[in-house]
Amino acid sequence: NVKRDKQVLKQLEDDGWYVVIVWECELDTHAKATSTADVLGRNLRMRL
């Protein structure tokens, strides 16, 4: 699984995609999911 994840990540980055991995433990409560989305949203808007 880990090896396949690394290969997929490399393929996507080589194709010009920005890859974000979010872990399930970062989303296990409503507050954590909202916070994670807020941080992710700010980063995406800054990149754009």
All heavy atoms as atom14 arrays in JSON, in Angstrom:
{
  "sequence": "NVKRDKQVLKQLEDDGWYVVIVWECELDTHAKATSTADVLGRNLRMRL",
  "atom14_mask": [
    [1, 1, 1, 1, 1, 1, 1, 1, 0, 0, 0, 0, 0, 0],
    [1, 1, 1, 1, 1, 1, 1, 0, 0, 0, 0, 0, 0, 0],
    [1, 1, 1, 1, 1, 1, 1, 1, 1, 0, 0, 0, 0, 0],
    [1, 1, 1, 1, 1, 1, 1, 1, 1, 1, 1, 0, 0, 0],
    [1, 1, 1, 1, 1, 1, 1, 1, 0, 0, 0, 0, 0, 0],
    [1, 1, 1, 1, 1, 1, 1, 1, 1, 0, 0, 0, 0, 0],
    [1, 1, 1, 1, 1, 1, 1, 1, 1, 0, 0, 0, 0, 0],
    [1, 1, 1, 1, 1, 1, 1, 0, 0, 0, 0, 0, 0, 0],
    [1, 1, 1, 1, 1, 1, 1, 1, 0, 0, 0, 0, 0, 0],
    [1, 1, 1, 1, 1, 1, 1, 1, 1, 0, 0, 0, 0, 0],
    [1, 1, 1, 1, 1, 1, 1, 1, 1, 0, 0, 0, 0, 0],
    [1, 1, 1, 1, 1, 1, 1, 1, 0, 0, 0, 0, 0, 0],
    [1, 1, 1, 1, 1, 1, 1, 1, 1, 0, 0, 0, 0, 0],
    [1, 1, 1, 1, 1, 1, 1, 1, 0, 0, 0, 0, 0, 0],
    [1, 1, 1, 1, 1, 1, 1, 1, 0, 0, 0, 0, 0, 0],
    [1, 1, 1, 1, 0, 0, 0, 0, 0, 0, 0, 0, 0, 0],
    [1, 1, 1, 1, 1, 1, 1, 1, 1, 1, 1, 1, 1, 1],
    [1, 1, 1, 1, 1, 1, 1, 1, 1, 1, 1, 1, 0, 0],
    [1, 1, 1, 1, 1, 1, 1, 0, 0, 0, 0, 0, 0, 0],
    [1, 1, 1, 1, 1, 1, 1, 0, 0, 0, 0, 0, 0, 0],
    [1, 1, 1, 1, 1, 1, 1, 1, 0, 0, 0, 0, 0, 0],
    [1, 1, 1, 1, 1, 1, 1, 0, 0, 0, 0, 0, 0, 0],
    [1, 1, 1, 1, 1, 1, 1, 1, 1, 1, 1, 1, 1, 1],
    [1, 1, 1, 1, 1, 1, 1, 1, 1, 0, 0, 0, 0, 0],
    [1, 1, 1, 1, 1, 1, 0, 0, 0, 0, 0, 0, 0, 0],
    [1, 1, 1, 1, 1, 1, 1, 1, 1, 0, 0, 0, 0, 0],
    [1, 1, 1, 1, 1, 1, 1, 1, 0, 0, 0, 0, 0, 0],
    [1, 1, 1, 1, 1, 1, 1, 1, 0, 0, 0, 0, 0, 0],
    [1, 1, 1, 1, 1, 1, 1, 0, 0, 0, 0, 0, 0, 0],
    [1, 1, 1, 1, 1, 1, 1, 1, 1, 1, 0, 0, 0, 0],
    [1, 1, 1, 1, 1, 0, 0, 0, 0, 0, 0, 0, 0, 0],
    [1, 1, 1, 1, 1, 1, 1, 1, 1, 0, 0, 0, 0, 0],
    [1, 1, 1, 1, 1, 0, 0, 0, 0, 0, 0, 0, 0, 0],
    [1, 1, 1, 1, 1, 1, 1, 0, 0, 0, 0, 0, 0, 0],
    [1, 1, 1, 1, 1, 1, 0, 0, 0, 0, 0, 0, 0, 0],
    [1, 1, 1, 1, 1, 1, 1, 0, 0, 0, 0, 0, 0, 0],
    [1, 1, 1, 1, 1, 0, 0, 0, 0, 0, 0, 0, 0, 0],
    [1, 1, 1, 1, 1, 1, 1, 1, 0, 0, 0, 0, 0, 0],
    [1, 1, 1, 1, 1, 1, 1, 0, 0, 0, 0, 0, 0, 0],
    [1, 1, 1, 1, 1, 1, 1, 1, 0, 0, 0, 0, 0, 0],
    [1, 1, 1, 1, 0, 0, 0, 0, 0, 0, 0, 0, 0, 0],
    [1, 1, 1, 1, 1, 1, 1, 1, 1, 1, 1, 0, 0, 0],
    [1, 1, 1, 1, 1, 1, 1, 1, 0, 0, 0, 0, 0, 0],
    [1, 1, 1, 1, 1, 1, 1, 1, 0, 0, 0, 0, 0, 0],
    [1, 1, 1, 1, 1, 1, 1, 1, 1, 1, 1, 0, 0, 0],
    [1, 1, 1, 1, 1, 1, 1, 1, 0, 0, 0, 0, 0, 0],
    [1, 1, 1, 1, 1, 1, 1, 1, 1, 1, 1, 0, 0, 0],
    [1, 1, 1, 1, 1, 1, 1, 1, 0, 0, 0, 0, 0, 0]
  ],
  "atom14_positions": [
    [[0.83, -1.21, 0.0], [0.0, 0.0, 0.0], [0.86, 1.26, 0.0], [0.64, 2.18, -0.77], [-0.93, 0.03, 1.21], [-2.07, -0.95, 1.1], [-2.28, -1.58, 0.08], [-2.81, -1.1, 2.18], [0.0, 0.0, 0.0], [0.0, 0.0, 0.0], [0.0, 0.0, 0.0], [0.0, 0.0, 0.0], [0.0, 0.0, 0.0], [0.0, 0.0, 0.0]],
    [[1.85, 1.29, 0.89], [2.72, 2.46, 1.01], [3.52, 2.67, -0.28], [3.66, 3.79, -0.76], [3.65, 2.33, 2.24], [4.7, 3.41, 2.25], [2.81, 2.37, 3.52], [0.0, 0.0, 0.0], [0.0, 0.0, 0.0], [0.0, 0.0, 0.0], [0.0, 0.0, 0.0], [0.0, 0.0, 0.0], [0.0, 0.0, 0.0], [0.0, 0.0, 0.0]],
    [[4.02, 1.58, -0.85], [4.79, 1.67, -2.1], [3.9, 2.22, -3.22], [4.31, 3.1, -3.98], [5.34, 0.3, -2.47], [6.18, 0.3, -3.72], [6.71, -1.1, -4.01], [7.51, -1.09, -5.3], [7.95, -2.44, -5.68], [0.0, 0.0, 0.0], [0.0, 0.0, 0.0], [0.0, 0.0, 0.0], [0.0, 0.0, 0.0], [0.0, 0.0, 0.0]],
    [[2.69, 1.71, -3.33], [1.75, 2.18, -4.35], [1.42, 3.66, -4.14], [1.38, 4.44, -5.1], [0.47, 1.34, -4.33], [-0.49, 1.7, -5.45], [-1.79, 0.93, -5.39], [-2.48, 1.18, -4.13], [-2.74, 0.26, -3.21], [-2.38, -0.99, -3.39], [-3.36, 0.58, -2.1], [0.0, 0.0, 0.0], [0.0, 0.0, 0.0], [0.0, 0.0, 0.0]],
    [[1.23, 4.07, -2.89], [0.95, 5.47, -2.58], [2.08, 6.38, -3.08], [1.84, 7.43, -3.67], [0.75, 5.68, -1.08], [-0.53, 5.05, -0.56], [-1.43, 4.74, -1.36], [-0.61, 4.87, 0.67], [0.0, 0.0, 0.0], [0.0, 0.0, 0.0], [0.0, 0.0, 0.0], [0.0, 0.0, 0.0], [0.0, 0.0, 0.0], [0.0, 0.0, 0.0]],
    [[3.33, 5.96, -2.86], [4.48, 6.76, -3.3], [4.54, 6.86, -4.82], [4.83, 7.92, -5.37], [5.78, 6.16, -2.75], [5.97, 6.39, -1.28], [7.25, 5.75, -0.77], [7.38, 5.92, 0.73], [8.56, 5.25, 1.27], [0.0, 0.0, 0.0], [0.0, 0.0, 0.0], [0.0, 0.0, 0.0], [0.0, 0.0, 0.0], [0.0, 0.0, 0.0]],
    [[4.24, 5.75, -5.5], [4.26, 5.75, -6.97], [3.18, 6.68, -7.52], [3.43, 7.45, -8.45], [4.05, 4.34, -7.52], [5.23, 3.42, -7.29], [4.92, 1.98, -7.66], [3.76, 1.57, -7.74], [5.97, 1.19, -7.87], [0.0, 0.0, 0.0], [0.0, 0.0, 0.0], [0.0, 0.0, 0.0], [0.0, 0.0, 0.0], [0.0, 0.0, 0.0]],
    [[1.99, 6.61, -6.96], [0.88, 7.45, -7.41], [1.2, 8.92, -7.16], [0.99, 9.78, -8.03], [-0.44, 7.04, -6.71], [-1.51, 8.09, -6.89], [-0.9, 5.69, -7.22], [0.0, 0.0, 0.0], [0.0, 0.0, 0.0], [0.0, 0.0, 0.0], [0.0, 0.0, 0.0], [0.0, 0.0, 0.0], [0.0, 0.0, 0.0], [0.0, 0.0, 0.0]],
    [[1.75, 9.23, -5.99], [2.12, 10.6, -5.66], [3.13, 11.14, -6.67], [2.97, 12.24, -7.2], [2.71, 10.64, -4.24], [3.19, 11.99, -3.76], [2.03, 12.79, -3.24], [4.24, 11.83, -2.69], [0.0, 0.0, 0.0], [0.0, 0.0, 0.0], [0.0, 0.0, 0.0], [0.0, 0.0, 0.0], [0.0, 0.0, 0.0], [0.0, 0.0, 0.0]],
    [[4.14, 10.35, -6.98], [5.16, 10.78, -7.94], [4.56, 10.99, -9.33], [4.84, 11.99, -9.99], [6.3, 9.77, -8.0], [7.42, 10.21, -8.95], [8.61, 9.33, -8.84], [9.74, 9.65, -9.79], [9.63, 10.79, -10.64], [0.0, 0.0, 0.0], [0.0, 0.0, 0.0], [0.0, 0.0, 0.0], [0.0, 0.0, 0.0], [0.0, 0.0, 0.0]],
    [[3.71, 10.07, -9.79], [3.07, 10.2, -11.1], [2.26, 11.5, -11.19], [2.36, 12.23, -12.18], [2.13, 9.02, -11.37], [2.8, 7.77, -11.82], [1.75, 6.69, -12.07], [1.04, 6.27, -11.16], [1.65, 6.25, -13.31], [0.0, 0.0, 0.0], [0.0, 0.0, 0.0], [0.0, 0.0, 0.0], [0.0, 0.0, 0.0], [0.0, 0.0, 0.0]],
    [[1.46, 11.76, -10.16], [0.63, 12.96, -10.18], [1.47, 14.22, -10.15], [1.2, 15.17, -10.9], [-0.36, 12.93, -9.0], [-1.5, 11.94, -9.14], [-2.19, 11.72, -7.81], [-2.49, 12.41, -10.19], [0.0, 0.0, 0.0], [0.0, 0.0, 0.0], [0.0, 0.0, 0.0], [0.0, 0.0, 0.0], [0.0, 0.0, 0.0], [0.0, 0.0, 0.0]],
    [[2.5, 14.25, -9.31], [3.36, 15.43, -9.24], [4.11, 15.63, -10.56], [4.26, 16.77, -11.03], [4.34, 15.32, -8.07], [3.66, 15.53, -6.74], [4.58, 15.34, -5.55], [5.68, 14.74, -5.71], [4.2, 15.79, -4.45], [0.0, 0.0, 0.0], [0.0, 0.0, 0.0], [0.0, 0.0, 0.0], [0.0, 0.0, 0.0], [0.0, 0.0, 0.0]],
    [[4.55, 14.54, -11.19], [5.22, 14.65, -12.48], [4.28, 15.19, -13.57], [4.72, 15.84, -14.51], [5.78, 13.29, -12.92], [6.99, 12.85, -12.1], [7.54, 13.69, -11.35], [7.37, 11.66, -12.2], [0.0, 0.0, 0.0], [0.0, 0.0, 0.0], [0.0, 0.0, 0.0], [0.0, 0.0, 0.0], [0.0, 0.0, 0.0], [0.0, 0.0, 0.0]],
    [[2.99, 14.91, -13.4], [1.99, 15.41, -14.35], [1.53, 16.83, -14.01], [0.62, 17.36, -14.64], [0.77, 14.49, -14.38], [1.09, 13.14, -15.02], [2.13, 13.04, -15.72], [0.3, 12.19, -14.83], [0.0, 0.0, 0.0], [0.0, 0.0, 0.0], [0.0, 0.0, 0.0], [0.0, 0.0, 0.0], [0.0, 0.0, 0.0], [0.0, 0.0, 0.0]],
    [[2.13, 17.44, -12.98], [1.82, 18.83, -12.64], [0.71, 19.03, -11.64], [0.21, 20.15, -11.48], [0.0, 0.0, 0.0], [0.0, 0.0, 0.0], [0.0, 0.0, 0.0], [0.0, 0.0, 0.0], [0.0, 0.0, 0.0], [0.0, 0.0, 0.0], [0.0, 0.0, 0.0], [0.0, 0.0, 0.0], [0.0, 0.0, 0.0], [0.0, 0.0, 0.0]],
    [[0.31, 17.99, -10.94], [-0.74, 18.11, -9.93], [-0.13, 18.39, -8.56], [0.93, 17.88, -8.22], [-1.57, 16.82, -9.85], [-2.45, 16.63, -11.04], [-2.15, 15.94, -12.17], [-3.76, 17.13, -11.23], [-3.2, 15.98, -13.05], [-4.21, 16.71, -12.5], [-4.61, 17.91, -10.45], [-5.46, 17.03, -12.99], [-5.87, 18.22, -10.94], [-6.29, 17.79, -12.2]],
    [[-0.83, 19.18, -7.77], [-0.49, 19.41, -6.37], [-1.26, 18.35, -5.58], [-2.49, 18.26, -5.69], [-0.9, 20.83, -5.96], [-0.69, 21.17, -4.52], [0.57, 21.13, -3.95], [-1.76, 21.56, -3.72], [0.77, 21.46, -2.61], [-1.57, 21.9, -2.4], [-0.31, 21.84, -1.85], [-0.12, 22.17, -0.53], [0.0, 0.0, 0.0], [0.0, 0.0, 0.0]],
    [[-0.57, 17.53, -4.82], [-1.19, 16.4, -4.12], [-1.28, 16.69, -2.63], [-0.3, 17.08, -2.01], [-0.39, 15.1, -4.35], [-1.04, 13.93, -3.63], [-0.24, 14.8, -5.84], [0.0, 0.0, 0.0], [0.0, 0.0, 0.0], [0.0, 0.0, 0.0], [0.0, 0.0, 0.0], [0.0, 0.0, 0.0], [0.0, 0.0, 0.0], [0.0, 0.0, 0.0]],
    [[-2.48, 16.51, -2.08], [-2.71, 16.69, -0.65], [-3.19, 15.36, -0.08], [-4.11, 14.75, -0.63], [-3.78, 17.79, -0.39], [-4.07, 17.9, 1.09], [-3.34, 19.11, -0.98], [0.0, 0.0, 0.0], [0.0, 0.0, 0.0], [0.0, 0.0, 0.0], [0.0, 0.0, 0.0], [0.0, 0.0, 0.0], [0.0, 0.0, 0.0], [0.0, 0.0, 0.0]],
    [[-2.55, 14.94, 1.0], [-3.0, 13.74, 1.7], [-3.53, 14.17, 3.06], [-2.83, 14.83, 3.83], [-1.85, 12.74, 1.86], [-1.41, 12.24, 0.48], [-2.27, 11.57, 2.75], [-0.2, 11.36, 0.48], [0.0, 0.0, 0.0], [0.0, 0.0, 0.0], [0.0, 0.0, 0.0], [0.0, 0.0, 0.0], [0.0, 0.0, 0.0], [0.0, 0.0, 0.0]],
    [[-4.76, 13.8, 3.33], [-5.4, 14.09, 4.61], [-5.65, 12.75, 5.29], [-6.19, 11.83, 4.67], [-6.72, 14.87, 4.42], [-7.36, 15.17, 5.75], [-6.49, 16.14, 3.63], [0.0, 0.0, 0.0], [0.0, 0.0, 0.0], [0.0, 0.0, 0.0], [0.0, 0.0, 0.0], [0.0, 0.0, 0.0], [0.0, 0.0, 0.0], [0.0, 0.0, 0.0]],
    [[-5.26, 12.64, 6.55], [-5.41, 11.39, 7.29], [-6.75, 11.35, 8.0], [-7.26, 12.38, 8.44], [-4.27, 11.23, 8.28], [-2.95, 11.08, 7.6], [-2.04, 12.06, 7.36], [-2.44, 9.9, 7.0], [-0.97, 11.55, 6.67], [-1.19, 10.21, 6.43], [-2.89, 8.58, 6.9], [-0.4, 9.28, 5.78], [-2.1, 7.65, 6.25], [-0.87, 8.0, 5.7]],
    [[-7.31, 10.16, 8.12], [-8.64, 10.0, 8.74], [-8.68, 10.53, 10.16], [-9.69, 11.05, 10.6], [-9.12, 8.56, 8.67], [-8.56, 7.66, 9.74], [-9.12, 6.25, 9.7], [-10.35, 6.07, 9.77], [-8.31, 5.33, 9.63], [0.0, 0.0, 0.0], [0.0, 0.0, 0.0], [0.0, 0.0, 0.0], [0.0, 0.0, 0.0], [0.0, 0.0, 0.0]],
    [[-7.56, 10.44, 10.9], [-7.55, 10.92, 12.29], [-7.63, 12.45, 12.35], [-7.95, 13.01, 13.4], [-6.33, 10.42, 13.04], [-4.75, 11.0, 12.41], [0.0, 0.0, 0.0], [0.0, 0.0, 0.0], [0.0, 0.0, 0.0], [0.0, 0.0, 0.0], [0.0, 0.0, 0.0], [0.0, 0.0, 0.0], [0.0, 0.0, 0.0], [0.0, 0.0, 0.0]],
    [[-7.36, 13.13, 11.23], [-7.48, 14.59, 11.17], [-8.92, 15.02, 10.9], [-9.21, 16.21, 10.89], [-6.57, 15.15, 10.08], [-5.11, 14.89, 10.31], [-4.23, 15.26, 9.12], [-4.7, 15.22, 7.97], [-3.05, 15.58, 9.37], [0.0, 0.0, 0.0], [0.0, 0.0, 0.0], [0.0, 0.0, 0.0], [0.0, 0.0, 0.0], [0.0, 0.0, 0.0]],
    [[-9.79, 14.04, 10.69], [-11.18, 14.33, 10.32], [-12.19, 13.63, 11.21], [-13.38, 13.59, 10.88], [-11.42, 13.9, 8.86], [-10.48, 14.48, 7.82], [-10.66, 13.76, 6.49], [-10.7, 15.96, 7.67], [0.0, 0.0, 0.0], [0.0, 0.0, 0.0], [0.0, 0.0, 0.0], [0.0, 0.0, 0.0], [0.0, 0.0, 0.0], [0.0, 0.0, 0.0]],
    [[-11.76, 13.07, 12.34], [-12.66, 12.22, 13.11], [-13.71, 12.96, 13.94], [-14.6, 12.34, 14.49], [-11.88, 11.21, 13.96], [-10.94, 11.85, 14.96], [-10.87, 13.09, 15.02], [-10.25, 11.1, 15.69], [0.0, 0.0, 0.0], [0.0, 0.0, 0.0], [0.0, 0.0, 0.0], [0.0, 0.0, 0.0], [0.0, 0.0, 0.0], [0.0, 0.0, 0.0]],
    [[-13.61, 14.28, 14.02], [-14.69, 15.06, 14.64], [-15.06, 16.19, 13.69], [-14.29, 16.54, 12.78], [-14.24, 15.68, 15.98], [-13.21, 16.64, 15.74], [-13.76, 14.63, 16.96], [0.0, 0.0, 0.0], [0.0, 0.0, 0.0], [0.0, 0.0, 0.0], [0.0, 0.0, 0.0], [0.0, 0.0, 0.0], [0.0, 0.0, 0.0], [0.0, 0.0, 0.0]],
    [[-16.22, 16.76, 13.9], [-16.68, 17.87, 13.06], [-15.72, 19.05, 13.15], [-15.37, 19.67, 12.14], [-18.1, 18.28, 13.47], [-18.63, 19.45, 12.69], [-19.01, 19.33, 11.37], [-18.8, 20.75, 13.04], [-19.41, 20.51, 10.94], [-19.3, 21.39, 11.93], [0.0, 0.0, 0.0], [0.0, 0.0, 0.0], [0.0, 0.0, 0.0], [0.0, 0.0, 0.0]],
    [[-15.25, 19.33, 14.37], [-14.33, 20.46, 14.56], [-13.01, 20.24, 13.81], [-12.49, 21.16, 13.18], [-14.07, 20.66, 16.05], [0.0, 0.0, 0.0], [0.0, 0.0, 0.0], [0.0, 0.0, 0.0], [0.0, 0.0, 0.0], [0.0, 0.0, 0.0], [0.0, 0.0, 0.0], [0.0, 0.0, 0.0], [0.0, 0.0, 0.0], [0.0, 0.0, 0.0]],
    [[-12.48, 19.02, 13.88], [-11.24, 18.73, 13.18], [-11.42, 18.82, 11.67], [-10.54, 19.33, 10.96], [-10.72, 17.33, 13.54], [-10.07, 17.22, 14.89], [-9.55, 15.8, 15.05], [-8.81, 15.58, 16.34], [-8.32, 14.19, 16.45], [0.0, 0.0, 0.0], [0.0, 0.0, 0.0], [0.0, 0.0, 0.0], [0.0, 0.0, 0.0], [0.0, 0.0, 0.0]],
    [[-12.53, 18.31, 11.16], [-12.79, 18.36, 9.72], [-12.91, 19.81, 9.25], [-12.34, 20.19, 8.21], [-14.06, 17.59, 9.38], [0.0, 0.0, 0.0], [0.0, 0.0, 0.0], [0.0, 0.0, 0.0], [0.0, 0.0, 0.0], [0.0, 0.0, 0.0], [0.0, 0.0, 0.0], [0.0, 0.0, 0.0], [0.0, 0.0, 0.0], [0.0, 0.0, 0.0]],
    [[-13.6, 20.63, 10.02], [-13.75, 22.05, 9.67], [-12.4, 22.76, 9.7], [-12.07, 23.52, 8.78], [-14.74, 22.73, 10.64], [-16.0, 22.04, 10.56], [-14.95, 24.18, 10.29], [0.0, 0.0, 0.0], [0.0, 0.0, 0.0], [0.0, 0.0, 0.0], [0.0, 0.0, 0.0], [0.0, 0.0, 0.0], [0.0, 0.0, 0.0], [0.0, 0.0, 0.0]],
    [[-11.62, 22.5, 10.72], [-10.3, 23.11, 10.84], [-9.38, 22.69, 9.71], [-8.68, 23.52, 9.11], [-9.69, 22.74, 12.19], [-8.39, 23.22, 12.29], [0.0, 0.0, 0.0], [0.0, 0.0, 0.0], [0.0, 0.0, 0.0], [0.0, 0.0, 0.0], [0.0, 0.0, 0.0], [0.0, 0.0, 0.0], [0.0, 0.0, 0.0], [0.0, 0.0, 0.0]],
    [[-9.37, 21.41, 9.4], [-8.54, 20.89, 8.31], [-8.96, 21.52, 6.99], [-8.11, 21.93, 6.18], [-8.64, 19.36, 8.23], [-8.2, 18.81, 9.47], [-7.81, 18.8, 7.1], [0.0, 0.0, 0.0], [0.0, 0.0, 0.0], [0.0, 0.0, 0.0], [0.0, 0.0, 0.0], [0.0, 0.0, 0.0], [0.0, 0.0, 0.0], [0.0, 0.0, 0.0]],
    [[-10.26, 21.63, 6.76], [-10.75, 22.25, 5.52], [-10.37, 23.72, 5.45], [-10.01, 24.23, 4.38], [-12.27, 22.08, 5.42], [0.0, 0.0, 0.0], [0.0, 0.0, 0.0], [0.0, 0.0, 0.0], [0.0, 0.0, 0.0], [0.0, 0.0, 0.0], [0.0, 0.0, 0.0], [0.0, 0.0, 0.0], [0.0, 0.0, 0.0], [0.0, 0.0, 0.0]],
    [[-10.45, 24.44, 6.57], [-10.06, 25.85, 6.61], [-8.6, 26.03, 6.2], [-8.27, 26.88, 5.38], [-10.29, 26.46, 7.99], [-11.75, 26.68, 8.32], [-12.57, 26.71, 7.38], [-12.07, 26.81, 9.52], [0.0, 0.0, 0.0], [0.0, 0.0, 0.0], [0.0, 0.0, 0.0], [0.0, 0.0, 0.0], [0.0, 0.0, 0.0], [0.0, 0.0, 0.0]],
    [[-7.72, 25.23, 6.8], [-6.29, 25.33, 6.5], [-6.04, 24.97, 5.03], [-5.32, 25.68, 4.31], [-5.46, 24.41, 7.43], [-4.02, 24.32, 6.98], [-5.55, 24.91, 8.86], [0.0, 0.0, 0.0], [0.0, 0.0, 0.0], [0.0, 0.0, 0.0], [0.0, 0.0, 0.0], [0.0, 0.0, 0.0], [0.0, 0.0, 0.0], [0.0, 0.0, 0.0]],
    [[-6.65, 23.9, 4.59], [-6.5, 23.47, 3.21], [-7.02, 24.54, 2.25], [-6.37, 24.86, 1.24], [-7.25, 22.15, 3.0], [-7.17, 21.49, 1.64], [-5.73, 21.24, 1.24], [-7.93, 20.17, 1.66], [0.0, 0.0, 0.0], [0.0, 0.0, 0.0], [0.0, 0.0, 0.0], [0.0, 0.0, 0.0], [0.0, 0.0, 0.0], [0.0, 0.0, 0.0]],
    [[-8.16, 25.13, 2.56], [-8.74, 26.17, 1.73], [-7.84, 27.4, 1.62], [-7.65, 27.95, 0.53], [0.0, 0.0, 0.0], [0.0, 0.0, 0.0], [0.0, 0.0, 0.0], [0.0, 0.0, 0.0], [0.0, 0.0, 0.0], [0.0, 0.0, 0.0], [0.0, 0.0, 0.0], [0.0, 0.0, 0.0], [0.0, 0.0, 0.0], [0.0, 0.0, 0.0]],
    [[-7.29, 27.83, 2.74], [-6.37, 28.98, 2.71], [-5.15, 28.68, 1.84], [-4.73, 29.52, 1.03], [-5.93, 29.34, 4.14], [-6.91, 30.21, 4.88], [-6.29, 30.83, 6.12], [-5.74, 29.85, 7.05], [-6.43, 29.24, 8.01], [-7.7, 29.52, 8.17], [-5.85, 28.38, 8.82], [0.0, 0.0, 0.0], [0.0, 0.0, 0.0], [0.0, 0.0, 0.0]],
    [[-4.59, 27.48, 2.0], [-3.42, 27.11, 1.2], [-3.74, 27.07, -0.29], [-2.94, 27.54, -1.11], [-2.85, 25.76, 1.65], [-2.19, 25.82, 3.0], [-1.79, 26.89, 3.46], [-2.06, 24.68, 3.64], [0.0, 0.0, 0.0], [0.0, 0.0, 0.0], [0.0, 0.0, 0.0], [0.0, 0.0, 0.0], [0.0, 0.0, 0.0], [0.0, 0.0, 0.0]],
    [[-4.88, 26.52, -0.64], [-5.26, 26.45, -2.05], [-5.46, 27.84, -2.65], [-5.01, 28.12, -3.76], [-6.52, 25.6, -2.22], [-6.36, 24.12, -1.97], [-7.71, 23.42, -2.02], [-5.39, 23.5, -2.96], [0.0, 0.0, 0.0], [0.0, 0.0, 0.0], [0.0, 0.0, 0.0], [0.0, 0.0, 0.0], [0.0, 0.0, 0.0], [0.0, 0.0, 0.0]],
    [[-6.13, 28.71, -1.9], [-6.36, 30.06, -2.41], [-5.05, 30.84, -2.54], [-4.88, 31.62, -3.49], [-7.36, 30.78, -1.53], [-8.76, 30.21, -1.71], [-9.84, 31.04, -1.05], [-11.15, 30.53, -1.41], [-11.99, 29.95, -0.56], [-11.67, 29.83, 0.72], [-13.16, 29.52, -0.98], [0.0, 0.0, 0.0], [0.0, 0.0, 0.0], [0.0, 0.0, 0.0]],
    [[-4.13, 30.63, -1.61], [-2.81, 31.28, -1.71], [-2.06, 30.78, -2.93], [-1.44, 31.56, -3.65], [-1.98, 31.04, -0.44], [-2.36, 31.93, 0.71], [-1.3, 31.83, 2.19], [-0.24, 30.48, 1.95], [0.0, 0.0, 0.0], [0.0, 0.0, 0.0], [0.0, 0.0, 0.0], [0.0, 0.0, 0.0], [0.0, 0.0, 0.0], [0.0, 0.0, 0.0]],
    [[-2.11, 29.47, -3.18], [-1.43, 28.92, -4.36], [-2.01, 29.49, -5.64], [-1.28, 29.81, -6.57], [-1.56, 27.39, -4.38], [-0.66, 26.66, -3.42], [-0.84, 25.15, -3.48], [-0.92, 24.58, -4.81], [0.13, 24.34, -5.6], [1.33, 24.63, -5.19], [-0.03, 23.8, -6.79], [0.0, 0.0, 0.0], [0.0, 0.0, 0.0], [0.0, 0.0, 0.0]],
    [[-3.32, 29.65, -5.68], [-3.96, 30.2, -6.87], [-3.58, 31.66, -7.06], [-3.3, 32.11, -8.17], [-5.49, 30.04, -6.79], [-6.27, 30.43, -8.04], [-5.89, 29.5, -9.2], [-7.76, 30.37, -7.78], [0.0, 0.0, 0.0], [0.0, 0.0, 0.0], [0.0, 0.0, 0.0], [0.0, 0.0, 0.0], [0.0, 0.0, 0.0], [0.0, 0.0, 0.0]]
  ]
}
